[in-house]
N, C-alpha and C. Protein backbone atom coordinates (compact mmCIF):
# COMPACT_ATOMS: atom_id res chain seq x y z
N MET A 1 73.72 -91.10 -82.93
CA MET A 1 73.37 -92.41 -83.44
C MET A 1 71.93 -92.36 -83.94
N GLN A 2 71.67 -92.91 -85.14
CA GLN A 2 70.31 -92.91 -85.66
C GLN A 2 69.38 -93.62 -84.68
N THR A 3 68.14 -93.14 -84.66
CA THR A 3 67.15 -93.63 -83.70
C THR A 3 65.84 -93.97 -84.40
N LEU A 4 65.29 -95.11 -84.02
CA LEU A 4 63.96 -95.50 -84.49
C LEU A 4 62.93 -95.09 -83.45
N GLU A 5 61.87 -94.50 -83.92
CA GLU A 5 60.72 -94.24 -83.08
C GLU A 5 59.68 -95.28 -83.47
N LEU A 6 59.23 -96.06 -82.52
CA LEU A 6 58.26 -97.12 -82.75
C LEU A 6 56.97 -96.77 -82.02
N VAL A 7 55.90 -96.66 -82.78
CA VAL A 7 54.61 -96.33 -82.19
C VAL A 7 53.60 -97.38 -82.65
N THR A 8 52.94 -98.01 -81.70
CA THR A 8 51.87 -98.95 -82.02
C THR A 8 50.56 -98.35 -81.53
N PHE A 9 49.50 -98.62 -82.27
CA PHE A 9 48.19 -98.06 -81.92
C PHE A 9 47.11 -98.74 -82.75
N CYS A 10 45.86 -98.47 -82.40
CA CYS A 10 44.75 -98.90 -83.24
C CYS A 10 43.87 -97.68 -83.50
N THR A 11 43.15 -97.75 -84.58
CA THR A 11 42.26 -96.65 -84.93
C THR A 11 40.86 -96.97 -84.42
N ALA A 12 40.07 -95.93 -84.32
CA ALA A 12 38.70 -96.08 -83.83
C ALA A 12 37.72 -95.68 -84.93
N ASN A 13 36.98 -96.64 -85.44
CA ASN A 13 35.91 -96.36 -86.41
C ASN A 13 36.38 -95.61 -87.65
N THR A 14 37.53 -96.01 -88.20
CA THR A 14 38.05 -95.36 -89.40
C THR A 14 38.48 -96.43 -90.39
N GLU A 15 38.05 -96.27 -91.61
CA GLU A 15 38.46 -97.20 -92.67
C GLU A 15 39.96 -97.04 -92.92
N PRO A 16 40.69 -98.14 -93.12
CA PRO A 16 42.14 -98.06 -93.34
C PRO A 16 42.53 -97.11 -94.47
N ALA A 17 41.82 -97.13 -95.59
CA ALA A 17 42.17 -96.26 -96.71
C ALA A 17 42.02 -94.79 -96.34
N ARG A 18 40.98 -94.47 -95.61
CA ARG A 18 40.78 -93.08 -95.18
C ARG A 18 41.89 -92.66 -94.20
N PHE A 19 42.25 -93.56 -93.28
CA PHE A 19 43.31 -93.27 -92.34
C PHE A 19 44.63 -93.03 -93.07
N LEU A 20 44.94 -93.88 -94.03
CA LEU A 20 46.19 -93.71 -94.79
C LEU A 20 46.20 -92.38 -95.54
N ASN A 21 45.10 -92.03 -96.17
CA ASN A 21 45.02 -90.74 -96.87
C ASN A 21 45.20 -89.57 -95.90
N ALA A 22 44.65 -89.69 -94.72
CA ALA A 22 44.76 -88.62 -93.72
C ALA A 22 46.20 -88.44 -93.24
N ASN A 23 47.03 -89.45 -93.41
CA ASN A 23 48.41 -89.36 -92.97
C ASN A 23 49.28 -88.47 -93.85
N ALA A 24 48.76 -87.99 -94.97
CA ALA A 24 49.52 -87.05 -95.80
C ALA A 24 49.91 -85.81 -94.99
N GLU A 25 49.02 -85.36 -94.13
CA GLU A 25 49.30 -84.19 -93.28
C GLU A 25 50.41 -84.50 -92.27
N ILE A 26 50.40 -85.69 -91.71
CA ILE A 26 51.46 -86.10 -90.78
C ILE A 26 52.78 -86.19 -91.52
N ASN A 27 52.76 -86.77 -92.71
CA ASN A 27 54.00 -86.90 -93.50
C ASN A 27 54.59 -85.53 -93.81
N ALA A 28 53.76 -84.58 -94.18
CA ALA A 28 54.25 -83.23 -94.47
C ALA A 28 54.86 -82.60 -93.21
N TRP A 29 54.22 -82.81 -92.07
CA TRP A 29 54.75 -82.27 -90.82
C TRP A 29 56.11 -82.89 -90.51
N LEU A 30 56.21 -84.22 -90.63
CA LEU A 30 57.47 -84.90 -90.35
C LEU A 30 58.59 -84.38 -91.23
N LYS A 31 58.31 -84.18 -92.50
CA LYS A 31 59.35 -83.71 -93.43
C LYS A 31 59.89 -82.33 -93.06
N ARG A 32 59.14 -81.57 -92.31
CA ARG A 32 59.59 -80.24 -91.86
C ARG A 32 60.40 -80.30 -90.56
N GLN A 33 60.45 -81.46 -89.93
CA GLN A 33 61.13 -81.58 -88.64
C GLN A 33 62.63 -81.81 -88.82
N PRO A 34 63.45 -81.05 -88.10
CA PRO A 34 64.90 -81.27 -88.18
C PRO A 34 65.25 -82.69 -87.73
N GLY A 35 66.06 -83.37 -88.53
CA GLY A 35 66.51 -84.70 -88.17
C GLY A 35 65.64 -85.84 -88.67
N PHE A 36 64.54 -85.53 -89.33
CA PHE A 36 63.68 -86.58 -89.88
C PHE A 36 64.40 -87.26 -91.04
N VAL A 37 64.34 -88.61 -91.09
CA VAL A 37 64.95 -89.37 -92.17
C VAL A 37 63.89 -90.07 -93.01
N SER A 38 63.04 -90.88 -92.37
CA SER A 38 62.04 -91.63 -93.13
C SER A 38 60.94 -92.14 -92.21
N ARG A 39 59.88 -92.64 -92.85
CA ARG A 39 58.74 -93.18 -92.09
C ARG A 39 58.17 -94.39 -92.81
N ARG A 40 57.75 -95.37 -92.04
CA ARG A 40 57.02 -96.53 -92.54
C ARG A 40 55.79 -96.70 -91.64
N LEU A 41 54.65 -96.92 -92.27
CA LEU A 41 53.40 -97.15 -91.54
C LEU A 41 52.85 -98.49 -92.01
N ALA A 42 52.71 -99.42 -91.08
CA ALA A 42 52.30 -100.78 -91.42
C ALA A 42 51.05 -101.16 -90.63
N ALA A 43 50.22 -101.98 -91.28
CA ALA A 43 49.01 -102.50 -90.62
C ALA A 43 49.20 -103.98 -90.36
N LYS A 44 48.91 -104.40 -89.13
CA LYS A 44 48.96 -105.81 -88.78
C LYS A 44 47.64 -106.48 -89.17
N ASP A 45 47.64 -107.79 -89.24
CA ASP A 45 46.44 -108.53 -89.60
C ASP A 45 45.27 -108.27 -88.65
N ASN A 46 45.57 -107.94 -87.40
CA ASN A 46 44.51 -107.71 -86.42
C ASN A 46 43.98 -106.28 -86.44
N GLY A 47 44.46 -105.45 -87.38
CA GLY A 47 43.97 -104.08 -87.50
C GLY A 47 44.79 -103.06 -86.74
N ASN A 48 45.73 -103.50 -85.92
CA ASN A 48 46.60 -102.56 -85.22
C ASN A 48 47.63 -102.02 -86.20
N TRP A 49 48.20 -100.88 -85.87
CA TRP A 49 49.17 -100.20 -86.73
C TRP A 49 50.53 -100.12 -86.05
N ILE A 50 51.57 -100.08 -86.86
CA ILE A 50 52.94 -99.86 -86.40
C ILE A 50 53.50 -98.70 -87.21
N ASP A 51 53.89 -97.64 -86.54
CA ASP A 51 54.47 -96.47 -87.18
C ASP A 51 55.95 -96.44 -86.83
N ILE A 52 56.80 -96.52 -87.83
CA ILE A 52 58.25 -96.57 -87.61
C ILE A 52 58.87 -95.34 -88.27
N VAL A 53 59.45 -94.48 -87.45
CA VAL A 53 60.06 -93.25 -87.95
C VAL A 53 61.55 -93.29 -87.64
N LEU A 54 62.35 -93.00 -88.65
CA LEU A 54 63.80 -92.97 -88.49
C LEU A 54 64.24 -91.52 -88.34
N TRP A 55 65.05 -91.27 -87.30
CA TRP A 55 65.59 -89.94 -87.02
C TRP A 55 67.12 -89.99 -87.03
N VAL A 56 67.74 -88.85 -87.24
CA VAL A 56 69.21 -88.83 -87.25
C VAL A 56 69.78 -89.15 -85.88
N ASP A 57 69.05 -88.82 -84.82
CA ASP A 57 69.49 -89.14 -83.46
C ASP A 57 68.32 -89.04 -82.49
N ARG A 58 68.56 -89.45 -81.26
CA ARG A 58 67.49 -89.45 -80.24
C ARG A 58 67.01 -88.04 -79.92
N ASP A 59 67.91 -87.07 -79.93
CA ASP A 59 67.49 -85.69 -79.64
C ASP A 59 66.45 -85.21 -80.64
N ALA A 60 66.68 -85.46 -81.93
CA ALA A 60 65.72 -85.06 -82.95
C ALA A 60 64.39 -85.76 -82.73
N ALA A 61 64.42 -87.04 -82.40
CA ALA A 61 63.20 -87.81 -82.17
C ALA A 61 62.42 -87.26 -80.98
N THR A 62 63.10 -86.99 -79.88
CA THR A 62 62.39 -86.52 -78.69
C THR A 62 61.89 -85.09 -78.85
N ARG A 63 62.63 -84.25 -79.58
CA ARG A 63 62.15 -82.88 -79.84
C ARG A 63 60.85 -82.92 -80.66
N ALA A 64 60.84 -83.74 -81.69
CA ALA A 64 59.64 -83.84 -82.53
C ALA A 64 58.47 -84.43 -81.74
N ALA A 65 58.73 -85.47 -80.97
CA ALA A 65 57.68 -86.10 -80.18
C ALA A 65 57.08 -85.12 -79.18
N ALA A 66 57.92 -84.25 -78.60
CA ALA A 66 57.45 -83.30 -77.60
C ALA A 66 56.47 -82.28 -78.19
N LYS A 67 56.61 -81.96 -79.46
CA LYS A 67 55.72 -80.95 -80.04
C LYS A 67 54.65 -81.53 -80.97
N PHE A 68 54.70 -82.84 -81.21
CA PHE A 68 53.77 -83.45 -82.16
C PHE A 68 52.32 -83.20 -81.79
N LEU A 69 51.92 -83.53 -80.58
CA LEU A 69 50.51 -83.38 -80.22
C LEU A 69 50.07 -81.93 -80.18
N ASP A 70 50.96 -81.02 -79.77
CA ASP A 70 50.61 -79.60 -79.77
C ASP A 70 50.29 -79.12 -81.18
N GLU A 71 51.02 -79.63 -82.15
CA GLU A 71 50.87 -79.14 -83.52
C GLU A 71 49.95 -79.99 -84.39
N MET A 72 49.77 -81.27 -84.04
CA MET A 72 49.02 -82.17 -84.91
C MET A 72 47.79 -82.82 -84.28
N ALA A 73 47.45 -82.48 -83.05
CA ALA A 73 46.34 -83.14 -82.36
C ALA A 73 45.02 -83.02 -83.09
N GLN A 74 44.81 -81.94 -83.82
CA GLN A 74 43.54 -81.73 -84.52
C GLN A 74 43.51 -82.35 -85.91
N SER A 75 44.60 -82.99 -86.33
CA SER A 75 44.62 -83.59 -87.66
C SER A 75 43.67 -84.78 -87.71
N GLU A 76 43.19 -85.07 -88.90
CA GLU A 76 42.25 -86.19 -89.08
C GLU A 76 42.88 -87.52 -88.68
N ALA A 77 44.15 -87.71 -89.02
CA ALA A 77 44.82 -88.97 -88.70
C ALA A 77 44.94 -89.17 -87.20
N VAL A 78 45.37 -88.15 -86.48
CA VAL A 78 45.53 -88.27 -85.02
C VAL A 78 44.17 -88.45 -84.36
N SER A 79 43.16 -87.75 -84.87
CA SER A 79 41.81 -87.87 -84.30
C SER A 79 41.25 -89.28 -84.46
N ALA A 80 41.74 -90.02 -85.46
CA ALA A 80 41.24 -91.37 -85.71
C ALA A 80 41.87 -92.42 -84.80
N ILE A 81 42.92 -92.05 -84.08
CA ILE A 81 43.65 -93.01 -83.24
C ILE A 81 43.01 -93.11 -81.86
N ASP A 82 42.85 -94.33 -81.37
CA ASP A 82 42.38 -94.56 -80.01
C ASP A 82 43.53 -94.20 -79.07
N PRO A 83 43.42 -93.11 -78.31
CA PRO A 83 44.54 -92.66 -77.48
C PRO A 83 44.98 -93.66 -76.42
N GLN A 84 44.05 -94.52 -75.97
CA GLN A 84 44.39 -95.51 -74.97
C GLN A 84 45.27 -96.63 -75.53
N SER A 85 45.31 -96.74 -76.85
CA SER A 85 46.06 -97.83 -77.48
C SER A 85 47.50 -97.47 -77.84
N ILE A 86 47.88 -96.22 -77.66
CA ILE A 86 49.19 -95.75 -78.12
C ILE A 86 50.31 -96.23 -77.20
N ALA A 87 51.34 -96.79 -77.81
CA ALA A 87 52.58 -97.14 -77.09
C ALA A 87 53.74 -96.64 -77.96
N MET A 88 54.59 -95.81 -77.38
CA MET A 88 55.72 -95.25 -78.12
C MET A 88 57.02 -95.57 -77.42
N SER A 89 58.05 -95.86 -78.21
CA SER A 89 59.38 -96.07 -77.66
C SER A 89 60.41 -95.63 -78.69
N HIS A 90 61.63 -95.43 -78.21
CA HIS A 90 62.74 -95.07 -79.08
C HIS A 90 63.86 -96.08 -78.87
N ALA A 91 64.58 -96.37 -79.97
CA ALA A 91 65.66 -97.34 -79.90
C ALA A 91 66.81 -96.88 -80.79
N ALA A 92 68.03 -96.95 -80.26
CA ALA A 92 69.22 -96.60 -81.05
C ALA A 92 69.52 -97.73 -82.03
N ILE A 93 69.85 -97.35 -83.25
CA ILE A 93 70.17 -98.34 -84.27
C ILE A 93 71.63 -98.73 -84.15
N HIS A 94 71.88 -100.01 -84.02
CA HIS A 94 73.24 -100.52 -83.91
C HIS A 94 73.68 -101.26 -85.17
N MET A 95 72.72 -101.66 -86.01
CA MET A 95 73.06 -102.31 -87.26
C MET A 95 71.92 -102.05 -88.25
N SER A 96 72.28 -101.85 -89.51
CA SER A 96 71.30 -101.65 -90.55
C SER A 96 71.81 -102.30 -91.84
N VAL A 97 70.95 -103.05 -92.51
CA VAL A 97 71.30 -103.70 -93.76
C VAL A 97 70.25 -103.31 -94.79
N ASN A 98 70.67 -102.85 -95.93
CA ASN A 98 69.74 -102.48 -97.01
C ASN A 98 69.84 -103.46 -98.14
């Protein structure tokens, strides 16, 4: 069953445009992961971010999550995130309308 990965966080001392540009490296990494479908990155009015990644199933999502920090911790985008603000969860998709 397709799975959404929902990550909320805030950045520390980084301009939004610079943070978005730095995410090109994350996007490239995601595209190489088995089971990756799509990603949406949204900014809330209060400056917090919501990262929504669609995976083919929960196994693909958890495999990628398990190796993400090992492989991407030194990236500019990850370095800009306040680690204390990160909240991640996964949810099975039961309905989708396009």
